[in-house]
Every structure is written in C-alpha cells, then in structure tokens.
C-alpha cells in the first residue's frame, strides 16, 4: 500500500508541480528572454517554444494521470479501499479529460489558427477576429489547466490526510 500511495503522490507532484513551473516560470521566461534579445518575431518564437513545452508536458500528464488512476484502482482491489474512492476516481478522470481536451482539441485549433495567421496574434489589429479567436482559445487552454491543478491539490490533501 505504501508503494502505491507513494506512486500516487509522486504522480501528483509531477503533474501539479509541472503545471506551476510551466505557468509561473517557463512561459514568462521564454517570452521575456525572446523579447529582450530582440529576436525577429520574438512573440511567435516564444509561442512556438512554449507550445512545444506544453505539448511535451501534456504527454507526461497523461502518464501521471494513468499512474494515479492505476494506483487508486490497485489500492481499492488490494484493500483497504481509499476514502472517497469514487470522488477521487471521478476527479482523476475529470483531470485527464480536461488535459486531453486541452492537449488535443484546443492545442490543435491554436496551432491551426497560428499557421493561418503566420504572425504572432498580438501583431494583428485588436479588431481582427483571428486575434479574438486566439485570445478565446488561449483563455480556454489556461482554464483547462486549472482543472488538474486544483484537482491535484485536492487529491494531495486527501492523500496527506489519509
């Protein structure tokens, strides 16, 4: 049981910690450094770099979510059943669903829109519908990342409390 709980906590730490690092450190650093170096199309380059980081992290998130789900199921089968088991499984499923939707559907739409635009969306006029669409998709992507972040924090609390 200890090994299964340990695997769950490590998976949560990687998933939640990774989201915090990406949002609080990696994204601002990439955009700040490319702007400070006066790279041509710095926002376009920064967006491409961060988009690839996010894509790779999304794959890691799928793995962390799978480990977490399997750990919960194994603990239920082997006993004792984790407290709030149904809630935990539902929360992990919601976290994985939000990650998958963001990583597959929203990221694809963002990439498609960026290819069609050809420049950084911020270079477009404020009134350009493509800029508005990019802003909407970016906000949706950010909101979807909050699901595993907050869900993971709740799951960590339950693990520590148990």
Foldseek 3Di string as FASTA:
>chain_A
DVVLLVLLLVLLCLLLVVLCCLVPPVLVVQLVVLVVVVDVLSLLVSCVVSLVVLLVVLVSNLVSLVSNLVSQVVDVVVDDHQPPSVVLNVLSVLLNVLSCCLNPVLSVVLVVLCVVVVGRLVPDDPPDVSNVVNVVSVVSSVVSSVSSNVSSVVVSVSSVVD
